[in-house]
Amino acid sequence: MKKIILLLTLFSAFTSANDNISGFYLGAGLGTTTFDDGGAFDYSGVSIDTDDSTIKFIGGYQFNRIVAVEVQYTNYGDVTVNHPLAKSKGFKGLAIESSSLSLAANLGYTFDSGWRPFGIIGLGSLESSTKVLGHSFSDNSTTFHYGAGVEYAPKALRGLAFRVAYEGDIFVEENDYDYYSYSDDYAMNIGSFYAGATYKF
């Protein structure tokens, strides 16, 4: 009988702890965009500017102190590709707008103090589009979505949490027709250092 009472007490405490931690949450973030071409333009003279900002929208569910699942929509803004030949002719750089939709596991640990270091791992879909001489071009790629950061949920602000993190999407850019300034396939990475906030219901 004592063992049953003890087990019920432990289960009650565990359930109560999960009630304070688990739940649906929504949020948003703002950051700076980064881009790595994976060496594709190393010998072409092409330069890449990532002066635009990242806007991120987050929705997820936290199951316990360790595991959460997140859906994210990320608009990376414009990545500008500058070709030296085009620049010499007075043409502006080619602006490529990219956005991704990802589903990922958020794995970390929520401490009683409210701090939660975490890592992100999952899959995404990246859509890139640009306009050239009145024509629009778009491309879709499957990505490996990843990241790491830290979150803090002050007890005084029940349900509200703040995070800083780096997250990115790795994708393979295929060039079957040698259309670009490179001839092979390269693993590229677009990402963002960002700060954001979420609210748990």
Protein backbone atom coordinates (compact mmCIF):
# COMPACT_ATOMS: atom_id res chain seq x y z
CA MET A 1 0.00 0.00 0.00
CA LYS A 2 2.84 2.37 0.88
CA LYS A 3 4.48 1.65 -2.48
CA ILE A 4 1.26 2.47 -4.32
CA ILE A 5 0.91 5.77 -2.40
CA LEU A 6 4.55 6.61 -3.17
CA LEU A 7 4.09 5.86 -6.88
CA LEU A 8 0.92 7.98 -6.98
CA THR A 9 2.73 10.85 -5.27
CA LEU A 10 5.63 10.68 -7.73
CA PHE A 11 3.25 10.48 -10.69
CA SER A 12 1.30 13.45 -9.36
CA ALA A 13 4.49 15.50 -8.97
CA PHE A 14 5.66 14.55 -12.46
CA THR A 15 2.30 15.44 -13.98
CA SER A 16 2.26 18.75 -12.14
CA ALA A 17 5.77 19.56 -13.39
CA ASN A 18 4.75 18.73 -16.96
CA ASP A 19 1.64 20.93 -16.63
CA ASN A 20 3.91 23.89 -15.92
CA ILE A 21 6.19 23.10 -18.85
CA SER A 22 4.16 21.42 -21.57
CA GLY A 23 1.85 23.26 -23.94
CA PHE A 24 1.41 24.96 -27.29
CA TYR A 25 3.39 28.11 -28.03
CA LEU A 26 3.59 30.79 -30.71
CA GLY A 27 6.29 33.33 -31.37
CA ALA A 28 8.37 35.40 -33.73
CA GLY A 29 11.95 36.52 -34.20
CA LEU A 30 14.11 39.01 -36.04
CA GLY A 31 17.73 38.56 -37.07
CA THR A 32 20.52 38.97 -39.59
CA THR A 33 20.87 36.74 -42.64
CA THR A 34 23.98 34.69 -43.42
CA PHE A 35 24.84 32.74 -46.56
CA ASP A 36 27.58 30.25 -47.44
CA ASP A 37 27.85 29.10 -51.07
CA GLY A 38 29.89 26.02 -50.13
CA GLY A 39 32.75 27.13 -52.38
CA ALA A 40 30.68 27.40 -55.56
CA PHE A 41 31.86 30.92 -56.43
CA ASP A 42 35.42 30.71 -55.08
CA TYR A 43 37.09 31.15 -58.47
CA SER A 44 34.40 33.04 -60.39
CA GLY A 45 34.86 36.54 -58.97
CA VAL A 46 31.25 36.58 -57.82
CA SER A 47 30.53 38.32 -54.51
CA ILE A 48 27.50 37.79 -52.30
CA ASP A 49 25.83 40.38 -50.04
CA THR A 50 23.51 39.42 -47.19
CA ASP A 51 22.57 42.86 -45.89
CA ASP A 52 18.89 42.01 -45.47
CA SER A 53 17.10 40.90 -42.30
CA THR A 54 15.45 37.62 -41.35
CA ILE A 55 11.88 37.46 -40.08
CA LYS A 56 10.79 34.25 -38.37
CA PHE A 57 7.41 32.93 -37.17
CA ILE A 58 7.33 29.99 -34.76
CA GLY A 59 4.65 27.54 -33.65
CA GLY A 60 5.23 24.48 -31.53
CA TYR A 61 4.32 22.13 -28.73
CA GLN A 62 6.55 21.29 -25.78
CA PHE A 63 5.94 17.79 -24.40
CA ASN A 64 8.23 17.86 -21.38
CA ARG A 65 11.51 19.35 -20.15
CA ILE A 66 13.45 17.79 -23.05
CA VAL A 67 11.35 17.49 -26.20
CA ALA A 68 9.39 20.01 -28.25
CA VAL A 69 8.31 20.04 -31.90
CA GLU A 70 8.36 23.26 -33.93
CA VAL A 71 7.02 24.50 -37.24
CA GLN A 72 8.81 27.61 -38.49
CA TYR A 73 8.31 29.97 -41.38
CA THR A 74 11.47 31.96 -42.09
CA ASN A 75 11.85 34.78 -44.59
CA TYR A 76 15.56 35.34 -45.14
CA GLY A 77 15.06 38.47 -47.22
CA ASP A 78 17.27 39.14 -50.24
CA VAL A 79 20.67 37.61 -50.91
CA THR A 80 22.37 39.68 -53.63
CA VAL A 81 24.72 38.01 -56.12
CA ASN A 82 27.15 40.41 -57.81
CA HIS A 83 28.87 39.23 -60.99
CA PRO A 84 31.97 41.26 -61.97
CA LEU A 85 31.05 41.31 -65.69
CA ALA A 86 27.53 42.56 -64.99
CA LYS A 87 28.87 45.13 -62.55
CA SER A 88 31.26 46.48 -65.16
CA LYS A 89 28.29 46.99 -67.49
CA GLY A 90 26.46 48.98 -64.83
CA PHE A 91 23.95 46.29 -63.85
CA LYS A 92 22.89 45.91 -60.25
CA GLY A 93 23.40 42.64 -58.40
CA LEU A 94 20.86 39.87 -58.73
CA ALA A 95 18.60 39.81 -55.62
CA ILE A 96 17.31 36.35 -54.68
CA GLU A 97 14.56 36.23 -52.06
CA SER A 98 14.46 33.03 -50.01
CA SER A 99 12.00 31.67 -47.49
CA SER A 100 11.71 28.31 -45.77
CA LEU A 101 9.05 26.23 -44.03
CA SER A 102 10.46 23.68 -41.61
CA LEU A 103 9.36 20.97 -39.19
CA ALA A 104 11.92 20.16 -36.52
CA ALA A 105 12.51 18.71 -33.08
CA ASN A 106 13.61 21.15 -30.40
CA LEU A 107 15.77 19.12 -28.03
CA GLY A 108 17.18 20.60 -24.84
CA TYR A 109 16.50 20.81 -21.14
CA THR A 110 14.28 23.22 -19.22
CA PHE A 111 15.80 24.03 -15.83
CA ASP A 112 13.73 25.15 -12.85
CA SER A 113 15.37 28.58 -13.18
CA GLY A 114 13.65 29.02 -16.58
CA TRP A 115 16.79 28.62 -18.70
CA ARG A 116 16.66 26.15 -21.59
CA PRO A 117 19.66 25.45 -23.87
CA PHE A 118 18.44 23.68 -26.99
CA GLY A 119 19.30 22.28 -30.39
CA ILE A 120 17.12 22.17 -33.51
CA ILE A 121 17.11 19.33 -36.04
CA GLY A 122 14.61 18.61 -38.82
CA LEU A 123 13.66 19.05 -42.47
CA GLY A 124 12.49 22.03 -44.46
CA SER A 125 11.46 23.32 -47.85
CA LEU A 126 13.30 26.37 -49.23
CA GLU A 127 11.75 28.53 -51.93
CA SER A 128 13.98 31.01 -53.77
CA SER A 129 12.68 33.52 -56.29
CA THR A 130 14.06 36.38 -58.35
CA LYS A 131 13.01 38.69 -61.17
CA VAL A 132 15.23 39.30 -64.21
CA LEU A 133 14.24 41.62 -67.05
CA GLY A 134 10.54 41.28 -66.25
CA HIS A 135 10.66 37.50 -65.86
CA SER A 136 10.24 35.65 -62.58
CA PHE A 137 12.19 32.53 -61.67
CA SER A 138 11.67 30.31 -58.66
CA ASP A 139 13.27 27.18 -57.27
CA ASN A 140 12.36 24.80 -54.46
CA SER A 141 14.82 22.71 -52.46
CA THR A 142 14.51 20.23 -49.63
CA THR A 143 16.70 21.33 -46.73
CA PHE A 144 18.25 20.02 -43.55
CA HIS A 145 17.11 22.47 -40.89
CA TYR A 146 19.34 22.82 -37.84
CA GLY A 147 20.31 25.23 -35.10
CA ALA A 148 21.27 25.87 -31.49
CA GLY A 149 20.42 28.49 -28.93
CA VAL A 150 19.22 29.32 -25.46
CA GLU A 151 15.82 30.32 -24.12
CA TYR A 152 14.79 32.01 -20.90
CA ALA A 153 11.29 32.00 -19.40
CA PRO A 154 11.07 34.36 -16.39
CA LYS A 155 8.70 33.04 -13.72
CA ALA A 156 7.30 36.54 -13.25
CA LEU A 157 6.17 36.58 -16.90
CA ARG A 158 4.22 33.34 -16.94
CA GLY A 159 4.07 31.81 -20.41
CA LEU A 160 6.49 34.28 -22.01
CA ALA A 161 9.97 33.16 -23.08
CA PHE A 162 12.86 34.88 -24.86
CA ARG A 163 15.42 33.16 -27.06
CA VAL A 164 18.59 33.87 -28.98
CA ALA A 165 19.81 31.32 -31.50
CA TYR A 166 21.40 30.54 -34.82
CA GLU A 167 19.38 28.43 -37.24
CA GLY A 168 19.98 27.54 -40.85
CA ASP A 169 18.93 25.51 -43.87
CA ILE A 170 21.46 23.39 -45.76
CA PHE A 171 20.50 22.53 -49.33
CA VAL A 172 22.18 21.16 -52.46
CA GLU A 173 22.22 23.53 -55.42
CA GLU A 174 22.25 21.45 -58.59
CA ASN A 175 23.56 22.89 -61.84
CA ASP A 176 22.84 20.31 -64.51
CA TYR A 177 23.16 22.80 -67.37
CA ASP A 178 26.20 24.84 -66.28
CA TYR A 179 23.91 27.88 -66.19
CA TYR A 180 25.61 29.52 -63.25
CA SER A 181 29.24 30.49 -62.70
CA TYR A 182 29.96 27.00 -61.37
CA SER A 183 29.58 23.56 -62.94
CA ASP A 184 29.20 21.15 -60.01
CA ASP A 185 26.63 20.59 -57.29
CA TYR A 186 27.32 22.36 -54.00
CA ALA A 187 25.89 22.13 -50.50
CA MET A 188 24.91 25.69 -49.57
CA ASN A 189 23.74 27.14 -46.28
CA ILE A 190 21.42 30.04 -45.59
CA GLY A 191 20.79 30.94 -41.98
CA SER A 192 20.25 33.60 -39.36
CA PHE A 193 21.40 34.81 -35.96
CA TYR A 194 18.17 35.97 -34.37
CA ALA A 195 16.42 37.02 -31.19
CA GLY A 196 12.81 36.20 -30.56
CA ALA A 197 10.02 35.61 -28.09
CA THR A 198 7.36 32.94 -27.65
CA TYR A 199 4.20 32.69 -25.58
CA LYS A 200 3.01 29.36 -24.21
CA PHE A 201 -0.74 28.84 -23.77
